[in-house]
Amino acid sequence: MHRWDAAEMGCGQLVVELRRRLIEMPAGEMLEVVARSPGAPTDLPAWCRMTGHTLVSAEHPIYIIQRRED
């Protein structure tokens, strides 16, 4: 499992960097994201739904996202 500490990164920058990191990973791999931003509990699930990635776990501030199959 890959891990990324996004700290207090805001929504715009967070999803751009998250997209970049997931693109570099093989399909099906998991990424543990530590996102302390107050918007993360809303933003990350919505972004996963919109992009087709699977939100495996969401226990703020730790989110586990599985990269979608291409």
PDB file of N, CA and C in Angstrom:
ATOM      1  N   MET A   1       0.850  -1.184   0.000  1.00  0.00           N
ATOM      2  CA  MET A   1       0.000   0.000   0.000  1.00  0.00           C
ATOM      3  C   MET A   1       0.891   1.241   0.000  1.00  0.00           C
ATOM      4  N   HIS A   2       0.529   2.191  -0.822  1.00  0.00           N
ATOM      5  CA  HIS A   2       1.231   3.464  -0.882  1.00  0.00           C
ATOM      6  C   HIS A   2       0.661   4.373   0.204  1.00  0.00           C
ATOM      7  N   ARG A   3       1.432   5.363   0.614  1.00  0.00           N
ATOM      8  CA  ARG A   3       0.979   6.279   1.674  1.00  0.00           C
ATOM      9  C   ARG A   3       1.354   7.703   1.295  1.00  0.00           C
ATOM     10  N   TRP A   4       0.457   8.645   1.578  1.00  0.00           N
ATOM     11  CA  TRP A   4       0.705  10.054   1.297  1.00  0.00           C
ATOM     12  C   TRP A   4       0.094  10.891   2.414  1.00  0.00           C
ATOM     13  N   ASP A   5       0.903  11.750   3.014  1.00  0.00           N
ATOM     14  CA  ASP A   5       0.427  12.677   4.032  1.00  0.00           C
ATOM     15  C   ASP A   5       0.169  14.025   3.368  1.00  0.00           C
ATOM     16  N   ALA A   6      -1.106  14.327   3.153  1.00  0.00           N
ATOM     17  CA  ALA A   6      -1.503  15.570   2.501  1.00  0.00           C
ATOM     18  C   ALA A   6      -1.639  16.722   3.494  1.00  0.00           C
ATOM     19  N   ALA A   7      -1.454  16.447   4.763  1.00  0.00           N
ATOM     20  CA  ALA A   7      -1.501  17.461   5.826  1.00  0.00           C
ATOM     21  C   ALA A   7      -2.795  18.276   5.748  1.00  0.00           C
ATOM     22  N   GLU A   8      -2.689  19.588   5.719  1.00  0.00           N
ATOM     23  CA  GLU A   8      -3.843  20.498   5.710  1.00  0.00           C
ATOM     24  C   GLU A   8      -4.186  20.996   4.316  1.00  0.00           C
ATOM     25  N   MET A   9      -3.698  20.333   3.285  1.00  0.00           N
ATOM     26  CA  MET A   9      -3.894  20.765   1.903  1.00  0.00           C
ATOM     27  C   MET A   9      -5.381  20.944   1.605  1.00  0.00           C
ATOM     28  N   GLY A  10      -5.731  22.064   0.988  1.00  0.00           N
ATOM     29  CA  GLY A  10      -7.123  22.367   0.660  1.00  0.00           C
ATOM     30  C   GLY A  10      -7.623  21.555  -0.519  1.00  0.00           C
ATOM     31  N   CYS A  11      -8.918  21.579  -0.743  1.00  0.00           N
ATOM     32  CA  CYS A  11      -9.594  20.725  -1.718  1.00  0.00           C
ATOM     33  C   CYS A  11      -8.980  20.791  -3.115  1.00  0.00           C
ATOM     34  N   GLY A  12      -8.826  21.974  -3.680  1.00  0.00           N
ATOM     35  CA  GLY A  12      -8.316  22.097  -5.045  1.00  0.00           C
ATOM     36  C   GLY A  12      -6.961  21.454  -5.220  1.00  0.00           C
ATOM     37  N   GLN A  13      -6.042  21.838  -4.392  1.00  0.00           N
ATOM     38  CA  GLN A  13      -4.687  21.297  -4.469  1.00  0.00           C
ATOM     39  C   GLN A  13      -4.674  19.813  -4.099  1.00  0.00           C
ATOM     40  N   LEU A  14      -5.491  19.431  -3.141  1.00  0.00           N
ATOM     41  CA  LEU A  14      -5.570  18.043  -2.684  1.00  0.00           C
ATOM     42  C   LEU A  14      -5.967  17.109  -3.825  1.00  0.00           C
ATOM     43  N   VAL A  15      -7.037  17.427  -4.540  1.00  0.00           N
ATOM     44  CA  VAL A  15      -7.502  16.520  -5.594  1.00  0.00           C
ATOM     45  C   VAL A  15      -6.574  16.515  -6.806  1.00  0.00           C
ATOM     46  N   VAL A  16      -5.933  17.625  -7.101  1.00  0.00           N
ATOM     47  CA  VAL A  16      -4.963  17.653  -8.210  1.00  0.00           C
ATOM     48  C   VAL A  16      -3.786  16.742  -7.880  1.00  0.00           C
ATOM     49  N   GLU A  17      -3.257  16.861  -6.692  1.00  0.00           N
ATOM     50  CA  GLU A  17      -2.120  16.034  -6.286  1.00  0.00           C
ATOM     51  C   GLU A  17      -2.546  14.569  -6.134  1.00  0.00           C
ATOM     52  N   LEU A  18      -3.737  14.318  -5.627  1.00  0.00           N
ATOM     53  CA  LEU A  18      -4.245  12.959  -5.494  1.00  0.00           C
ATOM     54  C   LEU A  18      -4.361  12.303  -6.866  1.00  0.00           C
ATOM     55  N   ARG A  19      -4.889  13.021  -7.820  1.00  0.00           N
ATOM     56  CA  ARG A  19      -5.010  12.504  -9.193  1.00  0.00           C
ATOM     57  C   ARG A  19      -3.636  12.138  -9.744  1.00  0.00           C
ATOM     58  N   ARG A  20      -2.672  13.021  -9.566  1.00  0.00           N
ATOM     59  CA  ARG A  20      -1.321  12.773 -10.069  1.00  0.00           C
ATOM     60  C   ARG A  20      -0.729  11.512  -9.446  1.00  0.00           C
ATOM     61  N   ARG A  21      -0.911  11.353  -8.164  1.00  0.00           N
ATOM     62  CA  ARG A  21      -0.353  10.193  -7.470  1.00  0.00           C
ATOM     63  C   ARG A  21      -1.030   8.897  -7.913  1.00  0.00           C
ATOM     64  N   LEU A  22      -2.341   8.923  -8.070  1.00  0.00           N
ATOM     65  CA  LEU A  22      -3.049   7.711  -8.482  1.00  0.00           C
ATOM     66  C   LEU A  22      -2.697   7.311  -9.913  1.00  0.00           C
ATOM     67  N   ILE A  23      -2.512   8.271 -10.800  1.00  0.00           N
ATOM     68  CA  ILE A  23      -2.140   7.972 -12.185  1.00  0.00           C
ATOM     69  C   ILE A  23      -0.827   7.204 -12.241  1.00  0.00           C
ATOM     70  N   GLU A  24       0.084   7.505 -11.329  1.00  0.00           N
ATOM     71  CA  GLU A  24       1.396   6.861 -11.314  1.00  0.00           C
ATOM     72  C   GLU A  24       1.358   5.446 -10.738  1.00  0.00           C
ATOM     73  N   MET A  25       0.239   5.064 -10.137  1.00  0.00           N
ATOM     74  CA  MET A  25       0.119   3.753  -9.492  1.00  0.00           C
ATOM     75  C   MET A  25      -0.532   2.747 -10.442  1.00  0.00           C
ATOM     76  N   PRO A  26      -0.204   1.462 -10.295  1.00  0.00           N
ATOM     77  CA  PRO A  26      -0.889   0.434 -11.094  1.00  0.00           C
ATOM     78  C   PRO A  26      -2.366   0.330 -10.695  1.00  0.00           C
ATOM     79  N   ALA A  27      -3.210  -0.060 -11.655  1.00  0.00           N
ATOM     80  CA  ALA A  27      -4.639  -0.250 -11.384  1.00  0.00           C
ATOM     81  C   ALA A  27      -4.817  -1.256 -10.252  1.00  0.00           C
ATOM     82  N   GLY A  28      -5.767  -0.968  -9.369  1.00  0.00           N
ATOM     83  CA  GLY A  28      -6.068  -1.865  -8.262  1.00  0.00           C
ATOM     84  C   GLY A  28      -5.249  -1.619  -7.005  1.00  0.00           C
ATOM     85  N   GLU A  29      -4.167  -0.849  -7.103  1.00  0.00           N
ATOM     86  CA  GLU A  29      -3.337  -0.553  -5.928  1.00  0.00           C
ATOM     87  C   GLU A  29      -4.092   0.380  -4.978  1.00  0.00           C
ATOM     88  N   MET A  30      -3.684   0.366  -3.721  1.00  0.00           N
ATOM     89  CA  MET A  30      -4.321   1.201  -2.701  1.00  0.00           C
ATOM     90  C   MET A  30      -3.394   2.319  -2.257  1.00  0.00           C
ATOM     91  N   LEU A  31      -4.005   3.456  -1.945  1.00  0.00           N
ATOM     92  CA  LEU A  31      -3.282   4.618  -1.442  1.00  0.00           C
ATOM     93  C   LEU A  31      -3.919   5.055  -0.133  1.00  0.00           C
ATOM     94  N   GLU A  32      -3.104   5.101   0.914  1.00  0.00           N
ATOM     95  CA  GLU A  32      -3.572   5.630   2.194  1.00  0.00           C
ATOM     96  C   GLU A  32      -3.245   7.121   2.211  1.00  0.00           C
ATOM     97  N   VAL A  33      -4.280   7.930   2.350  1.00  0.00           N
ATOM     98  CA  VAL A  33      -4.124   9.384   2.352  1.00  0.00           C
ATOM     99  C   VAL A  33      -4.436   9.893   3.755  1.00  0.00           C
ATOM    100  N   VAL A  34      -3.533  10.683   4.302  1.00  0.00           N
ATOM    101  CA  VAL A  34      -3.786  11.371   5.566  1.00  0.00           C
ATOM    102  C   VAL A  34      -4.097  12.819   5.196  1.00  0.00           C
ATOM    103  N   ALA A  35      -5.365  13.186   5.332  1.00  0.00           N
ATOM    104  CA  ALA A  35      -5.820  14.525   4.940  1.00  0.00           C
ATOM    105  C   ALA A  35      -6.520  15.170   6.126  1.00  0.00           C
ATOM    106  N   ARG A  36      -5.882  16.170   6.707  1.00  0.00           N
ATOM    107  CA  ARG A  36      -6.424  16.816   7.912  1.00  0.00           C
ATOM    108  C   ARG A  36      -7.319  18.012   7.608  1.00  0.00           C
ATOM    109  N   SER A  37      -7.494  18.331   6.344  1.00  0.00           N
ATOM    110  CA  SER A  37      -8.348  19.444   5.957  1.00  0.00           C
ATOM    111  C   SER A  37      -9.772  19.205   6.444  1.00  0.00           C
ATOM    112  N   PRO A  38     -10.448  20.244   6.965  1.00  0.00           N
ATOM    113  CA  PRO A  38     -11.825  20.053   7.431  1.00  0.00           C
ATOM    114  C   PRO A  38     -12.788  19.667   6.309  1.00  0.00           C
ATOM    115  N   GLY A  39     -12.434  19.946   5.064  1.00  0.00           N
ATOM    116  CA  GLY A  39     -13.305  19.594   3.938  1.00  0.00           C
ATOM    117  C   GLY A  39     -13.106  18.177   3.429  1.00  0.00           C
ATOM    118  N   ALA A  40     -12.057  17.503   3.859  1.00  0.00           N
ATOM    119  CA  ALA A  40     -11.738  16.166   3.350  1.00  0.00           C
ATOM    120  C   ALA A  40     -12.873  15.149   3.526  1.00  0.00           C
ATOM    121  N   PRO A  41     -13.587  15.125   4.660  1.00  0.00           N
ATOM    122  CA  PRO A  41     -14.653  14.127   4.809  1.00  0.00           C
ATOM    123  C   PRO A  41     -15.754  14.242   3.752  1.00  0.00           C
ATOM    124  N   THR A  42     -15.919  15.403   3.181  1.00  0.00           N
ATOM    125  CA  THR A  42     -16.902  15.608   2.112  1.00  0.00           C
ATOM    126  C   THR A  42     -16.251  15.497   0.744  1.00  0.00           C
ATOM    127  N   ASP A  43     -15.096  16.148   0.597  1.00  0.00           N
ATOM    128  CA  ASP A  43     -14.442  16.249  -0.709  1.00  0.00           C
ATOM    129  C   ASP A  43     -13.915  14.925  -1.242  1.00  0.00           C
ATOM    130  N   LEU A  44     -13.261  14.130  -0.420  1.00  0.00           N
ATOM    131  CA  LEU A  44     -12.657  12.893  -0.922  1.00  0.00           C
ATOM    132  C   LEU A  44     -13.696  11.856  -1.364  1.00  0.00           C
ATOM    133  N   PRO A  45     -14.756  11.601  -0.595  1.00  0.00           N
ATOM    134  CA  PRO A  45     -15.771  10.665  -1.095  1.00  0.00           C
ATOM    135  C   PRO A  45     -16.417  11.144  -2.400  1.00  0.00           C
ATOM    136  N   ALA A  46     -16.703  12.434  -2.494  1.00  0.00           N
ATOM    137  CA  ALA A  46     -17.314  12.977  -3.715  1.00  0.00           C
ATOM    138  C   ALA A  46     -16.368  12.831  -4.898  1.00  0.00           C
ATOM    139  N   TRP A  47     -15.092  13.114  -4.699  1.00  0.00           N
ATOM    140  CA  TRP A  47     -14.107  13.000  -5.776  1.00  0.00           C
ATOM    141  C   TRP A  47     -13.996  11.549  -6.230  1.00  0.00           C
ATOM    142  N   CYS A  48     -13.990  10.608  -5.307  1.00  0.00           N
ATOM    143  CA  CYS A  48     -13.916   9.188  -5.666  1.00  0.00           C
ATOM    144  C   CYS A  48     -15.134   8.776  -6.493  1.00  0.00           C
ATOM    145  N   ARG A  49     -16.316   9.212  -6.093  1.00  0.00           N
ATOM    146  CA  ARG A  49     -17.525   8.882  -6.861  1.00  0.00           C
ATOM    147  C   ARG A  49     -17.441   9.445  -8.273  1.00  0.00           C
ATOM    148  N   MET A  50     -16.949  10.662  -8.406  1.00  0.00           N
ATOM    149  CA  MET A  50     -16.878  11.321  -9.718  1.00  0.00           C
ATOM    150  C   MET A  50     -15.816  10.711 -10.627  1.00  0.00           C
ATOM    151  N   THR A  51     -14.759  10.165 -10.065  1.00  0.00           N
ATOM    152  CA  THR A  51     -13.641   9.676 -10.870  1.00  0.00           C
ATOM    153  C   THR A  51     -13.612   8.165 -11.027  1.00  0.00           C
ATOM    154  N   GLY A  52     -14.429   7.441 -10.275  1.00  0.00           N
ATOM    155  CA  GLY A  52     -14.481   5.995 -10.402  1.00  0.00           C
ATOM    156  C   GLY A  52     -13.498   5.238  -9.529  1.00  0.00           C
ATOM    157  N   HIS A  53     -12.742   5.949  -8.694  1.00  0.00           N
ATOM    158  CA  HIS A  53     -11.861   5.269  -7.749  1.00  0.00           C
ATOM    159  C   HIS A  53     -12.715   4.821  -6.558  1.00  0.00           C
ATOM    160  N   THR A  54     -12.257   3.780  -5.856  1.00  0.00           N
ATOM    161  CA  THR A  54     -13.035   3.236  -4.745  1.00  0.00           C
ATOM    162  C   THR A  54     -12.513   3.766  -3.416  1.00  0.00           C
ATOM    163  N   LEU A  55     -13.407   4.357  -2.650  1.00  0.00           N
ATOM    164  CA  LEU A  55     -13.066   4.787  -1.299  1.00  0.00           C
ATOM    165  C   LEU A  55     -13.285   3.577  -0.389  1.00  0.00           C
ATOM    166  N   VAL A  56     -12.212   2.933  -0.010  1.00  0.00           N
ATOM    167  CA  VAL A  56     -12.271   1.704   0.771  1.00  0.00           C
ATOM    168  C   VAL A  56     -12.586   1.999   2.233  1.00  0.00           C
ATOM    169  N   SER A  57     -11.983   3.069   2.750  1.00  0.00           N
ATOM    170  CA  SER A  57     -12.162   3.423   4.154  1.00  0.00           C
ATOM    171  C   SER A  57     -12.041   4.930   4.307  1.00  0.00           C
ATOM    172  N   ALA A  58     -12.881   5.484   5.174  1.00  0.00           N
ATOM    173  CA  ALA A  58     -12.847   6.920   5.446  1.00  0.00           C
ATOM    174  C   ALA A  58     -13.056   7.147   6.929  1.00  0.00           C
ATOM    175  N   GLU A  59     -11.963   7.250   7.656  1.00  0.00           N
ATOM    176  CA  GLU A  59     -12.007   7.569   9.081  1.00  0.00           C
ATOM    177  C   GLU A  59     -11.089   8.760   9.287  1.00  0.00           C
ATOM    178  N   HIS A  60     -11.683   9.952   9.140  1.00  0.00           N
ATOM    179  CA  HIS A  60     -10.914  11.192   9.175  1.00  0.00           C
ATOM    180  C   HIS A  60      -9.892  11.175  10.295  1.00  0.00           C
ATOM    181  N   PRO A  61      -8.643  11.450   9.990  1.00  0.00           N
ATOM    182  CA  PRO A  61      -8.046  12.003   8.781  1.00  0.00           C
ATOM    183  C   PRO A  61      -7.454  10.953   7.839  1.00  0.00           C
ATOM    184  N   ILE A  62      -7.776   9.662   8.024  1.00  0.00           N
ATOM    185  CA  ILE A  62      -7.167   8.627   7.190  1.00  0.00           C
ATOM    186  C   ILE A  62      -8.196   8.074   6.202  1.00  0.00           C
ATOM    187  N   TYR A  63      -7.812   8.097   4.923  1.00  0.00           N
ATOM    188  CA  TYR A  63      -8.665   7.631   3.835  1.00  0.00           C
ATOM    189  C   TYR A  63      -7.875   6.619   3.021  1.00  0.00           C
ATOM    190  N   ILE A  64      -8.514   5.514   2.663  1.00  0.00           N
ATOM    191  CA  ILE A  64      -7.871   4.527   1.820  1.00  0.00           C
ATOM    192  C   ILE A  64      -8.636   4.486   0.496  1.00  0.00           C
ATOM    193  N   ILE A  65      -7.904   4.728  -0.579  1.00  0.00           N
ATOM    194  CA  ILE A  65      -8.496   4.807  -1.916  1.00  0.00           C
ATOM    195  C   ILE A  65      -7.841   3.749  -2.800  1.00  0.00           C
ATOM    196  N   GLN A  66      -8.695   2.993  -3.494  1.00  0.00           N
ATOM    197  CA  GLN A  66      -8.183   1.999  -4.437  1.00  0.00           C
ATOM    198  C   GLN A  66      -8.279   2.569  -5.835  1.00  0.00           C
ATOM    199  N   ARG A  67      -7.156   2.514  -6.545  1.00  0.00           N
ATOM    200  CA  ARG A  67      -7.118   3.047  -7.905  1.00  0.00           C
ATOM    201  C   ARG A  67      -8.015   2.208  -8.798  1.00  0.00           C
ATOM    202  N   ARG A  68      -8.785   2.884  -9.618  1.00  0.00           N
ATOM    203  CA  ARG A  68      -9.729   2.196 -10.508  1.00  0.00           C
ATOM    204  C   ARG A  68      -8.979   1.382 -11.565  1.00  0.00           C
ATOM    205  N   GLU A  69      -9.675   0.419 -12.101  1.00  0.00           N
ATOM    206  CA  GLU A  69      -9.155  -0.358 -13.230  1.00  0.00           C
ATOM    207  C   GLU A  69      -9.325   0.503 -14.479  1.00  0.00           C
ATOM    208  N   ASP A  70      -8.357   0.479 -15.339  1.00  0.00           N
ATOM    209  CA  ASP A  70      -8.456   1.286 -16.578  1.00  0.00           C
ATOM    210  C   ASP A  70      -9.258   0.583 -17.646  1.00  0.00           C
TER     211      ASP A  70
END
